[in-house]
């Protein structure tokens, strides 16, 4: 699979640029195992980390945290997101860009939405944020609302890796081809909420030209040729990666971009491609400062009530 030949990041906000850190991220292109068709995965998994907490936001996605707050990416605006067919209104002036440990601006954006009584998000509990950085290996679930693949079965590309810019041809071998790479094409106009279970392949800390040279501190997942593995696609920037910690699902990452092969054809996902996520443990304190966890809010309420009681006794 020539795994060492991946090149640049692409930002998957819309259909975007050619892959190579290649695209701003993530609808979920879903892989099947050898000889299997890829599943649809467009309804919540049996062990659901928060399927309907992920919504479409213009050219990207957002994740609902609770108390009217969503988190997405800086390269997508603070629009009116749609969760499970209901559109919510962004609160003007509420947008906040989170900062990296070096005080530079990250590519993470939080803002508030109006959540009417009786709506699908009303009363949703706080989404816990992971406290420590994820480790390499399987175990997470990615949920995205971007573009889907054209077909359930894979496409084969024949590739000549000798030139500086690789030469790709679909469907049949050609003179000079020295390897085959399989994957999927994206549909250009169909977005859908879907889930996948790609493994975490490694940690990441670099500036990304496709994101305006923003520093991203996080991890990458990889799409393997196994059942329910997956990769980001156009429209998935801002979608979430969830990990189960101590029996509880927690939000571990937010998708920004995908990493493809040298000169990989546009609007495709190949086995060996990666998706880049921010590690939310790095930003957890900032997030909680905006959206206090229930335990923190309860503690503050108890302190406040104690102060009132003390004043009344005086």
C-alpha atoms as a PDB file:
ATOM      1  CA  UNK A   1       0.000   0.000   0.000  1.00  0.00           C
ATOM      2  CA  UNK A   2       3.044   2.316   0.001  1.00  0.00           C
ATOM      3  CA  UNK A   3       2.016   3.870   3.320  1.00  0.00           C
ATOM      4  CA  UNK A   4       5.133   6.051   3.463  1.00  0.00           C
ATOM      5  CA  UNK A   5       4.143   7.914   0.328  1.00  0.00           C
ATOM      6  CA  UNK A   6       1.299   9.969   1.794  1.00  0.00           C
ATOM      7  CA  UNK A   7       1.658  13.677   1.165  1.00  0.00           C
ATOM      8  CA  UNK A   8      -0.199  16.847   2.113  1.00  0.00           C
ATOM      9  CA  UNK A   9      -3.302  17.732   4.076  1.00  0.00           C
ATOM     10  CA  UNK A  10      -6.482  18.704   2.346  1.00  0.00           C
ATOM     11  CA  UNK A  11      -9.168  20.679   4.093  1.00  0.00           C
ATOM     12  CA  UNK A  12     -12.569  19.013   3.703  1.00  0.00           C
ATOM     13  CA  UNK A  13     -14.988  21.874   4.188  1.00  0.00           C
ATOM     14  CA  UNK A  14     -16.654  21.570   0.822  1.00  0.00           C
ATOM     15  CA  UNK A  15     -15.537  19.385  -2.032  1.00  0.00           C
ATOM     16  CA  UNK A  16     -12.263  21.299  -1.704  1.00  0.00           C
ATOM     17  CA  UNK A  17      -8.771  20.929  -2.960  1.00  0.00           C
ATOM     18  CA  UNK A  18      -6.921  17.873  -4.207  1.00  0.00           C
ATOM     19  CA  UNK A  19      -5.780  15.488  -1.513  1.00  0.00           C
ATOM     20  CA  UNK A  20      -2.338  15.759  -0.187  1.00  0.00           C
ATOM     21  CA  UNK A  21      -2.874  17.086   3.314  1.00  0.00           C
ATOM     22  CA  UNK A  22      -5.683  17.157   1.108  1.00  0.00           C
ATOM     23  CA  UNK A  23      -9.159  18.040   2.219  1.00  0.00           C
ATOM     24  CA  UNK A  24     -11.131  19.549   5.060  1.00  0.00           C
ATOM     25  CA  UNK A  25     -12.898  16.712   6.659  1.00  0.00           C
ATOM     26  CA  UNK A  26     -15.391  14.221   7.214  1.00  0.00           C
ATOM     27  CA  UNK A  27     -18.591  12.566   5.939  1.00  0.00           C
ATOM     28  CA  UNK A  28     -17.386   9.104   6.554  1.00  0.00           C
ATOM     29  CA  UNK A  29     -16.403   6.955   3.638  1.00  0.00           C
ATOM     30  CA  UNK A  30     -17.073   3.464   5.009  1.00  0.00           C
ATOM     31  CA  UNK A  31     -14.907   0.445   4.171  1.00  0.00           C
ATOM     32  CA  UNK A  32     -15.952  -3.188   3.992  1.00  0.00           C
ATOM     33  CA  UNK A  33     -13.682  -6.122   4.678  1.00  0.00           C
ATOM     34  CA  UNK A  34     -12.023  -8.196   1.918  1.00  0.00           C
ATOM     35  CA  UNK A  35     -14.729  -9.379  -0.444  1.00  0.00           C
ATOM     36  CA  UNK A  36     -17.417  -7.441   1.439  1.00  0.00           C
ATOM     37  CA  UNK A  37     -19.538  -4.520   0.397  1.00  0.00           C
ATOM     38  CA  UNK A  38     -19.183  -1.443   2.581  1.00  0.00           C
ATOM     39  CA  UNK A  39     -22.077  -0.940   5.036  1.00  0.00           C
ATOM     40  CA  UNK A  40     -24.218   2.197   5.046  1.00  0.00           C
ATOM     41  CA  UNK A  41     -23.896   2.957   8.787  1.00  0.00           C
ATOM     42  CA  UNK A  42     -26.467   5.759   8.528  1.00  0.00           C
ATOM     43  CA  UNK A  43     -28.335   4.932  11.741  1.00  0.00           C
ATOM     44  CA  UNK A  44     -26.898   4.991  15.275  1.00  0.00           C
ATOM     45  CA  UNK A  45     -24.581   2.082  16.161  1.00  0.00           C
ATOM     46  CA  UNK A  46     -25.719  -0.360  18.835  1.00  0.00           C
ATOM     47  CA  UNK A  47     -23.325   1.245  21.312  1.00  0.00           C
ATOM     48  CA  UNK A  48     -24.030   4.859  20.375  1.00  0.00           C
ATOM     49  CA  UNK A  49     -21.502   7.525  21.441  1.00  0.00           C
ATOM     50  CA  UNK A  50     -23.742  10.381  20.292  1.00  0.00           C
ATOM     51  CA  UNK A  51     -24.869   9.872  16.698  1.00  0.00           C
ATOM     52  CA  UNK A  52     -27.378  12.742  16.614  1.00  0.00           C
ATOM     53  CA  UNK A  53     -25.000  15.121  18.401  1.00  0.00           C
ATOM     54  CA  UNK A  54     -23.196  15.558  15.052  1.00  0.00           C
ATOM     55  CA  UNK A  55     -24.835  18.015  12.686  1.00  0.00           C
ATOM     56  CA  UNK A  56     -24.279  19.649   9.310  1.00  0.00           C
ATOM     57  CA  UNK A  57     -23.043  23.236   9.412  1.00  0.00           C
ATOM     58  CA  UNK A  58     -22.876  24.779   5.948  1.00  0.00           C
ATOM     59  CA  UNK A  59     -19.709  23.414   4.324  1.00  0.00           C
ATOM     60  CA  UNK A  60     -18.756  21.468   7.451  1.00  0.00           C
ATOM     61  CA  UNK A  61     -20.003  19.768  10.607  1.00  0.00           C
ATOM     62  CA  UNK A  62     -20.318  20.509  14.339  1.00  0.00           C
ATOM     63  CA  UNK A  63     -20.743  18.458  17.526  1.00  0.00           C
ATOM     64  CA  UNK A  64     -23.292  19.429  20.194  1.00  0.00           C
ATOM     65  CA  UNK A  65     -21.685  19.615  23.648  1.00  0.00           C
ATOM     66  CA  UNK A  66     -24.663  20.695  25.752  1.00  0.00           C
ATOM     67  CA  UNK A  67     -26.136  23.867  27.280  1.00  0.00           C
ATOM     68  CA  UNK A  68     -26.553  25.332  23.792  1.00  0.00           C
ATOM     69  CA  UNK A  69     -22.862  25.052  22.806  1.00  0.00           C
ATOM     70  CA  UNK A  70     -21.403  23.383  19.707  1.00  0.00           C
ATOM     71  CA  UNK A  71     -17.801  22.781  18.682  1.00  0.00           C
ATOM     72  CA  UNK A  72     -16.474  22.701  15.138  1.00  0.00           C
ATOM     73  CA  UNK A  73     -13.553  24.124  13.192  1.00  0.00           C
ATOM     74  CA  UNK A  74     -12.292  27.630  12.604  1.00  0.00           C
ATOM     75  CA  UNK A  75     -12.122  27.297   8.826  1.00  0.00           C
ATOM     76  CA  UNK A  76     -15.913  26.838   8.743  1.00  0.00           C
ATOM     77  CA  UNK A  77     -18.086  29.710   9.921  1.00  0.00           C
ATOM     78  CA  UNK A  78     -20.505  29.802  12.858  1.00  0.00           C
ATOM     79  CA  UNK A  79     -23.599  28.969  10.823  1.00  0.00           C
ATOM     80  CA  UNK A  80     -27.063  27.608  11.638  1.00  0.00           C
ATOM     81  CA  UNK A  81     -26.465  23.850  12.009  1.00  0.00           C
ATOM     82  CA  UNK A  82     -28.921  21.065  11.293  1.00  0.00           C
ATOM     83  CA  UNK A  83     -29.176  18.137  13.719  1.00  0.00           C
ATOM     84  CA  UNK A  84     -31.420  15.195  12.795  1.00  0.00           C
ATOM     85  CA  UNK A  85     -33.433  17.308  10.294  1.00  0.00           C
ATOM     86  CA  UNK A  86     -33.926  20.255  12.690  1.00  0.00           C
ATOM     87  CA  UNK A  87     -32.089  23.531  12.025  1.00  0.00           C
ATOM     88  CA  UNK A  88     -30.945  25.614  15.006  1.00  0.00           C
ATOM     89  CA  UNK A  89     -30.073  29.333  15.021  1.00  0.00           C
ATOM     90  CA  UNK A  90     -26.555  30.475  15.910  1.00  0.00           C
ATOM     91  CA  UNK A  91     -26.352  33.106  18.663  1.00  0.00           C
ATOM     92  CA  UNK A  92     -24.701  36.213  17.236  1.00  0.00           C
ATOM     93  CA  UNK A  93     -21.403  37.221  18.820  1.00  0.00           C
ATOM     94  CA  UNK A  94     -20.948  33.911  20.665  1.00  0.00           C
ATOM     95  CA  UNK A  95     -18.179  32.473  18.444  1.00  0.00           C
ATOM     96  CA  UNK A  96     -14.864  31.699  20.184  1.00  0.00           C
ATOM     97  CA  UNK A  97     -11.647  30.390  18.592  1.00  0.00           C
ATOM     98  CA  UNK A  98      -9.737  28.172  21.021  1.00  0.00           C
ATOM     99  CA  UNK A  99      -5.997  28.716  21.520  1.00  0.00           C
ATOM    100  CA  UNK A 100      -3.067  26.315  21.460  1.00  0.00           C
ATOM    101  CA  UNK A 101      -0.713  25.978  24.445  1.00  0.00           C
ATOM    102  CA  UNK A 102       1.673  28.451  22.754  1.00  0.00           C
ATOM    103  CA  UNK A 103      -1.221  30.995  22.602  1.00  0.00           C
ATOM    104  CA  UNK A 104      -1.510  30.697  18.823  1.00  0.00           C
ATOM    105  CA  UNK A 105      -5.016  30.367  17.374  1.00  0.00           C
ATOM    106  CA  UNK A 106      -6.140  26.801  16.823  1.00  0.00           C
ATOM    107  CA  UNK A 107      -8.533  25.657  14.092  1.00  0.00           C
ATOM    108  CA  UNK A 108     -11.223  24.910  16.700  1.00  0.00           C
ATOM    109  CA  UNK A 109     -14.353  27.060  16.982  1.00  0.00           C
ATOM    110  CA  UNK A 110     -17.094  27.024  19.619  1.00  0.00           C
ATOM    111  CA  UNK A 111     -20.363  28.969  19.538  1.00  0.00           C
ATOM    112  CA  UNK A 112     -23.852  28.898  20.975  1.00  0.00           C
ATOM    113  CA  UNK A 113     -27.105  27.959  19.309  1.00  0.00           C
ATOM    114  CA  UNK A 114     -30.691  28.545  20.407  1.00  0.00           C
ATOM    115  CA  UNK A 115     -32.215  25.228  21.562  1.00  0.00           C
ATOM    116  CA  UNK A 116     -36.025  25.490  21.793  1.00  0.00           C
ATOM    117  CA  UNK A 117     -37.944  23.529  24.418  1.00  0.00           C
ATOM    118  CA  UNK A 118     -39.072  20.229  22.931  1.00  0.00           C
ATOM    119  CA  UNK A 119     -36.430  20.137  20.176  1.00  0.00           C
ATOM    120  CA  UNK A 120     -34.214  17.105  19.691  1.00  0.00           C
ATOM    121  CA  UNK A 121     -31.251  18.696  21.463  1.00  0.00           C
ATOM    122  CA  UNK A 122     -33.265  20.099  24.365  1.00  0.00           C
ATOM    123  CA  UNK A 123     -32.279  18.445  27.625  1.00  0.00           C
ATOM    124  CA  UNK A 124     -29.322  16.592  26.132  1.00  0.00           C
ATOM    125  CA  UNK A 125     -26.709  15.969  28.851  1.00  0.00           C
ATOM    126  CA  UNK A 126     -23.171  17.313  28.763  1.00  0.00           C
ATOM    127  CA  UNK A 127     -20.867  15.489  26.311  1.00  0.00           C
ATOM    128  CA  UNK A 128     -17.776  14.540  28.358  1.00  0.00           C
ATOM    129  CA  UNK A 129     -14.423  15.685  26.940  1.00  0.00           C
ATOM    130  CA  UNK A 130     -11.485  13.295  27.064  1.00  0.00           C
ATOM    131  CA  UNK A 131      -8.984  14.116  29.820  1.00  0.00           C
ATOM    132  CA  UNK A 132      -5.806  12.497  28.433  1.00  0.00           C
ATOM    133  CA  UNK A 133      -4.444  12.103  24.912  1.00  0.00           C
ATOM    134  CA  UNK A 134      -5.635   9.027  22.987  1.00  0.00           C
ATOM    135  CA  UNK A 135      -3.239   6.155  22.366  1.00  0.00           C
ATOM    136  CA  UNK A 136      -2.510   4.348  19.120  1.00  0.00           C
ATOM    137  CA  UNK A 137      -4.841   1.453  18.389  1.00  0.00           C
ATOM    138  CA  UNK A 138      -8.487   0.542  17.726  1.00  0.00           C
ATOM    139  CA  UNK A 139     -11.497   1.377  19.823  1.00  0.00           C
ATOM    140  CA  UNK A 140     -12.983   4.703  18.661  1.00  0.00           C
ATOM    141  CA  UNK A 141     -16.026   5.710  16.632  1.00  0.00           C
ATOM    142  CA  UNK A 142     -15.986   8.559  14.110  1.00  0.00           C
ATOM    143  CA  UNK A 143     -19.275  10.257  13.188  1.00  0.00           C
ATOM    144  CA  UNK A 144     -19.475  12.658  10.268  1.00  0.00           C
ATOM    145  CA  UNK A 145     -22.109  14.354   8.129  1.00  0.00           C
ATOM    146  CA  UNK A 146     -20.276  14.997   4.869  1.00  0.00           C
ATOM    147  CA  UNK A 147     -20.218  13.428   1.408  1.00  0.00           C
ATOM    148  CA  UNK A 148     -20.755   9.700   0.900  1.00  0.00           C
ATOM    149  CA  UNK A 149     -19.218   7.233  -1.549  1.00  0.00           C
ATOM    150  CA  UNK A 150     -20.582   6.548  -5.007  1.00  0.00           C
ATOM    151  CA  UNK A 151     -20.843   2.784  -4.470  1.00  0.00           C
ATOM    152  CA  UNK A 152     -20.458   0.162  -1.773  1.00  0.00           C
ATOM    153  CA  UNK A 153     -17.812  -1.764  -3.708  1.00  0.00           C
ATOM    154  CA  UNK A 154     -14.245  -0.554  -4.044  1.00  0.00           C
ATOM    155  CA  UNK A 155     -12.589   0.927  -7.127  1.00  0.00           C
ATOM    156  CA  UNK A 156      -9.073  -0.121  -8.165  1.00  0.00           C
ATOM    157  CA  UNK A 157      -6.509   2.402  -9.391  1.00  0.00           C
ATOM    158  CA  UNK A 158      -3.299   1.365 -11.175  1.00  0.00           C
ATOM    159  CA  UNK A 159      -0.454   3.678 -10.257  1.00  0.00           C
ATOM    160  CA  UNK A 160       2.981   4.480 -11.642  1.00  0.00           C
ATOM    161  CA  UNK A 161       4.976   5.685  -8.630  1.00  0.00           C
ATOM    162  CA  UNK A 162       8.182   6.370 -10.590  1.00  0.00           C
ATOM    163  CA  UNK A 163       7.518  10.014 -11.645  1.00  0.00           C
ATOM    164  CA  UNK A 164       7.694  12.858  -9.127  1.00  0.00           C
ATOM    165  CA  UNK A 165       3.938  13.191  -9.530  1.00  0.00           C
ATOM    166  CA  UNK A 166       2.431   9.715  -9.548  1.00  0.00           C
ATOM    167  CA  UNK A 167       0.312   8.689 -12.538  1.00  0.00           C
ATOM    168  CA  UNK A 168      -3.086   7.172 -11.697  1.00  0.00           C
ATOM    169  CA  UNK A 169      -5.407   5.213 -13.994  1.00  0.00           C
ATOM    170  CA  UNK A 170      -8.711   3.669 -12.996  1.00  0.00           C
ATOM    171  CA  UNK A 171     -10.038   0.301 -14.019  1.00  0.00           C
ATOM    172  CA  UNK A 172      -7.225  -1.379 -15.940  1.00  0.00           C
ATOM    173  CA  UNK A 173      -3.466  -1.696 -15.815  1.00  0.00           C
ATOM    174  CA  UNK A 174      -1.215   0.388 -18.054  1.00  0.00           C
ATOM    175  CA  UNK A 175       2.435   0.417 -19.059  1.00  0.00           C
ATOM    176  CA  UNK A 176       4.486   1.767 -16.188  1.00  0.00           C
ATOM    177  CA  UNK A 177       2.008   0.935 -13.426  1.00  0.00           C
ATOM    178  CA  UNK A 178       3.890  -0.662 -10.545  1.00  0.00           C
ATOM    179  CA  UNK A 179       1.207  -0.910  -7.841  1.00  0.00           C
ATOM    180  CA  UNK A 180      -2.531  -1.063  -7.244  1.00  0.00           C
ATOM    181  CA  UNK A 181      -4.411   1.046  -4.680  1.00  0.00           C
ATOM    182  CA  UNK A 182      -8.067   0.505  -3.825  1.00  0.00           C
ATOM    183  CA  UNK A 183     -10.632   2.882  -2.430  1.00  0.00           C
ATOM    184  CA  UNK A 184     -13.832   4.811  -3.083  1.00  0.00           C
ATOM    185  CA  UNK A 185     -15.018   7.866  -4.987  1.00  0.00           C
ATOM    186  CA  UNK A 186     -17.116  10.537  -3.248  1.00  0.00           C
ATOM    187  CA  UNK A 187     -20.516  11.578  -4.477  1.00  0.00           C
ATOM    188  CA  UNK A 188     -20.351  15.285  -5.257  1.00  0.00           C
ATOM    189  CA  UNK A 189     -23.775  16.305  -3.941  1.00  0.00           C
ATOM    190  CA  UNK A 190     -24.989  13.851  -1.291  1.00  0.00           C
ATOM    191  CA  UNK A 191     -24.299  14.357   2.420  1.00  0.00           C
ATOM    192  CA  UNK A 192     -25.408  11.981   5.120  1.00  0.00           C
ATOM    193  CA  UNK A 193     -24.798  11.334   8.801  1.00  0.00           C
ATOM    194  CA  UNK A 194     -22.701   8.150   9.073  1.00  0.00           C
ATOM    195  CA  UNK A 195     -20.344   6.396  11.469  1.00  0.00           C
ATOM    196  CA  UNK A 196     -17.161   4.356  11.156  1.00  0.00           C
ATOM    197  CA  UNK A 197     -14.549   2.809  13.441  1.00  0.00           C
ATOM    198  CA  UNK A 198     -11.095   3.752  12.089  1.00  0.00           C
ATOM    199  CA  UNK A 199      -8.096   2.949  14.277  1.00  0.00           C
ATOM    200  CA  UNK A 200      -5.841   5.692  15.692  1.00  0.00           C
ATOM    201  CA  UNK A 201      -2.599   5.449  13.724  1.00  0.00           C
ATOM    202  CA  UNK A 202      -0.412   8.064  15.424  1.00  0.00           C
ATOM    203  CA  UNK A 203      -0.096  11.440  17.123  1.00  0.00           C
ATOM    204  CA  UNK A 204       0.335  14.738  15.240  1.00  0.00           C
ATOM    205  CA  UNK A 205       1.664  18.216  16.028  1.00  0.00           C
ATOM    206  CA  UNK A 206       2.404  20.449  13.025  1.00  0.00           C
ATOM    207  CA  UNK A 207       1.275  23.579  11.257  1.00  0.00           C
ATOM    208  CA  UNK A 208      -0.988  22.823   8.285  1.00  0.00           C
ATOM    209  CA  UNK A 209      -0.706  25.068   5.192  1.00  0.00           C
ATOM    210  CA  UNK A 210      -4.205  24.057   4.020  1.00  0.00           C
ATOM    211  CA  UNK A 211      -5.541  25.458   7.304  1.00  0.00           C
ATOM    212  CA  UNK A 212      -3.826  28.837   6.963  1.00  0.00           C
ATOM    213  CA  UNK A 213      -0.715  27.510   8.732  1.00  0.00           C
ATOM    214  CA  UNK A 214      -2.672  26.830  11.915  1.00  0.00           C
ATOM    215  CA  UNK A 215      -0.970  24.496  14.361  1.00  0.00           C
ATOM    216  CA  UNK A 216      -2.938  21.288  14.925  1.00  0.00           C
ATOM    217  CA  UNK A 217      -2.137  19.172  17.982  1.00  0.00           C
ATOM    218  CA  UNK A 218      -3.877  15.847  17.749  1.00  0.00           C
ATOM    219  CA  UNK A 219      -3.927  12.428  16.171  1.00  0.00           C
ATOM    220  CA  UNK A 220      -4.576  10.713  12.851  1.00  0.00           C
ATOM    221  CA  UNK A 221      -6.844   7.775  12.095  1.00  0.00           C
ATOM    222  CA  UNK A 222      -6.316   5.444   9.140  1.00  0.00           C
ATOM    223  CA  UNK A 223      -8.803   3.747   6.831  1.00  0.00           C
ATOM    224  CA  UNK A 224      -7.926   0.051   6.541  1.00  0.00           C
ATOM    225  CA  UNK A 225      -9.600  -2.561   4.369  1.00  0.00           C
ATOM    226  CA  UNK A 226     -11.619  -3.881   7.305  1.00  0.00           C
ATOM    227  CA  UNK A 227     -15.323  -3.849   8.083  1.00  0.00           C
ATOM    228  CA  UNK A 228     -16.544  -0.440   9.359  1.00  0.00           C
ATOM    229  CA  UNK A 229     -13.197   1.329   8.993  1.00  0.00           C
ATOM    230  CA  UNK A 230     -13.537   4.737   7.376  1.00  0.00           C
ATOM    231  CA  UNK A 231     -12.082   8.080   6.364  1.00  0.00           C
ATOM    232  CA  UNK A 232     -13.210  11.692   6.143  1.00  0.00           C
ATOM    233  CA  UNK A 233     -14.728  13.246   3.039  1.00  0.00           C
ATOM    234  CA  UNK A 234     -15.832  16.698   1.915  1.00  0.00           C
ATOM    235  CA  UNK A 235     -18.162  18.374   4.406  1.00  0.00           C
ATOM    236  CA  UNK A 236     -16.840  16.586   7.495  1.00  0.00           C
ATOM    237  CA  UNK A 237     -14.600  19.264   8.948  1.00  0.00           C
ATOM    238  CA  UNK A 238     -15.838  19.712  12.503  1.00  0.00           C
ATOM    239  CA  UNK A 239     -17.129  16.164  12.953  1.00  0.00           C
ATOM    240  CA  UNK A 240     -16.231  14.075  15.994  1.00  0.00           C
ATOM    241  CA  UNK A 241     -14.159  11.089  17.083  1.00  0.00           C
ATOM    242  CA  UNK A 242     -15.422   9.402  20.266  1.00  0.00           C
ATOM    243  CA  UNK A 243     -13.613   7.051  22.658  1.00  0.00           C
ATOM    244  CA  UNK A 244     -15.022   4.970  25.489  1.00  0.00           C
ATOM    245  CA  UNK A 245     -13.168   5.628  28.738  1.00  0.00           C
ATOM    246  CA  UNK A 246     -14.108   3.783  31.927  1.00  0.00           C
ATOM    247  CA  UNK A 247     -17.375   2.660  30.351  1.00  0.00           C
ATOM    248  CA  UNK A 248     -18.332   6.220  29.308  1.00  0.00           C
ATOM    249  CA  UNK A 249     -18.272   7.652  25.784  1.00  0.00           C
ATOM    250  CA  UNK A 250     -16.205  10.839  25.579  1.00  0.00           C
ATOM    251  CA  UNK A 251     -15.490  13.277  22.750  1.00  0.00           C
ATOM    252  CA  UNK A 252     -11.803  12.837  21.913  1.00  0.00           C
ATOM    253  CA  UNK A 253     -11.263  14.730  18.663  1.00  0.00           C
ATOM    254  CA  UNK A 254     -12.597  17.112  16.012  1.00  0.00           C
ATOM    255  CA  UNK A 255     -11.798  16.462  12.329  1.00  0.00           C
ATOM    256  CA  UNK A 256      -9.901  18.995  10.230  1.00  0.00           C
ATOM    257  CA  UNK A 257      -8.388  17.422   7.126  1.00  0.00           C
ATOM    258  CA  UNK A 258      -7.325  14.245   5.317  1.00  0.00           C
ATOM    259  CA  UNK A 259      -3.908  12.966   4.276  1.00  0.00           C
ATOM    260  CA  UNK A 260      -3.720  11.310   0.878  1.00  0.00           C
ATOM    261  CA  UNK A 261      -1.212   9.727  -1.480  1.00  0.00           C
ATOM    262  CA  UNK A 262       1.009  11.560  -3.959  1.00  0.00           C
ATOM    263  CA  UNK A 263      -1.208  13.111  -6.702  1.00  0.00           C
ATOM    264  CA  UNK A 264      -4.212  11.083  -5.528  1.00  0.00           C
ATOM    265  CA  UNK A 265      -7.281  11.794  -7.694  1.00  0.00           C
ATOM    266  CA  UNK A 266      -9.605  14.412  -6.226  1.00  0.00           C
ATOM    267  CA  UNK A 267     -12.752  13.414  -4.319  1.00  0.00           C
ATOM    268  CA  UNK A 268     -11.523   9.930  -3.424  1.00  0.00           C
ATOM    269  CA  UNK A 269     -10.683   7.964  -0.283  1.00  0.00           C
ATOM    270  CA  UNK A 270      -8.055   5.207  -0.477  1.00  0.00           C
ATOM    271  CA  UNK A 271      -7.024   2.464   1.903  1.00  0.00           C
ATOM    272  CA  UNK A 272      -4.089   3.992   3.749  1.00  0.00           C
ATOM    273  CA  UNK A 273      -5.532   7.537   3.784  1.00  0.00           C
ATOM    274  CA  UNK A 274      -5.670   9.290   7.142  1.00  0.00           C
ATOM    275  CA  UNK A 275      -7.955  11.805   8.870  1.00  0.00           C
ATOM    276  CA  UNK A 276      -6.498  14.503  11.134  1.00  0.00           C
ATOM    277  CA  UNK A 277      -8.230  15.309  14.439  1.00  0.00           C
ATOM    278  CA  UNK A 278      -7.460  17.814  17.185  1.00  0.00           C
ATOM    279  CA  UNK A 279      -6.835  16.177  20.554  1.00  0.00           C
ATOM    280  CA  UNK A 280      -9.512  17.758  22.760  1.00  0.00           C
ATOM    281  CA  UNK A 281      -7.704  16.883  25.984  1.00  0.00           C
ATOM    282  CA  UNK A 282      -5.354  19.770  25.067  1.00  0.00           C
ATOM    283  CA  UNK A 283      -8.293  22.224  24.999  1.00  0.00           C
ATOM    284  CA  UNK A 284     -10.452  20.665  27.718  1.00  0.00           C
ATOM    285  CA  UNK A 285      -9.996  23.453  30.265  1.00  0.00           C
ATOM    286  CA  UNK A 286     -10.970  26.108  27.712  1.00  0.00           C
ATOM    287  CA  UNK A 287     -14.035  24.111  26.675  1.00  0.00           C
ATOM    288  CA  UNK A 288     -15.209  23.567  30.251  1.00  0.00           C
ATOM    289  CA  UNK A 289     -14.649  27.246  31.045  1.00  0.00           C
ATOM    290  CA  UNK A 290     -17.276  28.003  28.388  1.00  0.00           C
ATOM    291  CA  UNK A 291     -19.550  25.026  29.040  1.00  0.00           C
ATOM    292  CA  UNK A 292     -19.182  23.877  32.676  1.00  0.00           C
ATOM    293  CA  UNK A 293     -19.604  20.154  33.281  1.00  0.00           C
ATOM    294  CA  UNK A 294     -22.704  19.261  35.308  1.00  0.00           C
ATOM    295  CA  UNK A 295     -20.644  18.391  38.397  1.00  0.00           C
ATOM    296  CA  UNK A 296     -18.893  21.755  38.227  1.00  0.00           C
ATOM    297  CA  UNK A 297     -22.189  23.592  37.760  1.00  0.00           C
ATOM    298  CA  UNK A 298     -23.712  21.707  40.686  1.00  0.00           C
ATOM    299  CA  UNK A 299     -20.763  22.558  42.901  1.00  0.00           C
ATOM    300  CA  UNK A 300     -21.078  26.225  42.005  1.00  0.00           C
ATOM    301  CA  UNK A 301     -24.781  26.056  42.843  1.00  0.00           C
ATOM    302  CA  UNK A 302     -24.051  24.497  46.225  1.00  0.00           C
ATOM    303  CA  UNK A 303     -21.489  27.188  47.021  1.00  0.00           C
ATOM    304  CA  UNK A 304     -23.971  29.882  45.986  1.00  0.00           C
ATOM    305  CA  UNK A 305     -26.720  28.369  48.158  1.00  0.00           C
ATOM    306  CA  UNK A 306     -24.272  28.132  51.055  1.00  0.00           C
ATOM    307  CA  UNK A 307     -23.439  31.797  50.715  1.00  0.00           C
ATOM    308  CA  UNK A 308     -27.134  32.677  50.708  1.00  0.00           C
ATOM    309  CA  UNK A 309     -27.724  30.615  53.838  1.00  0.00           C
ATOM    310  CA  UNK A 310     -24.778  32.250  55.559  1.00  0.00           C
ATOM    311  CA  UNK A 311     -26.085  35.720  54.717  1.00  0.00           C
ATOM    312  CA  UNK A 312     -29.573  34.851  55.952  1.00  0.00           C
ATOM    313  CA  UNK A 313     -28.183  33.713  59.313  1.00  0.00           C
ATOM    314  CA  UNK A 314     -26.362  37.006  59.818  1.00  0.00           C
END
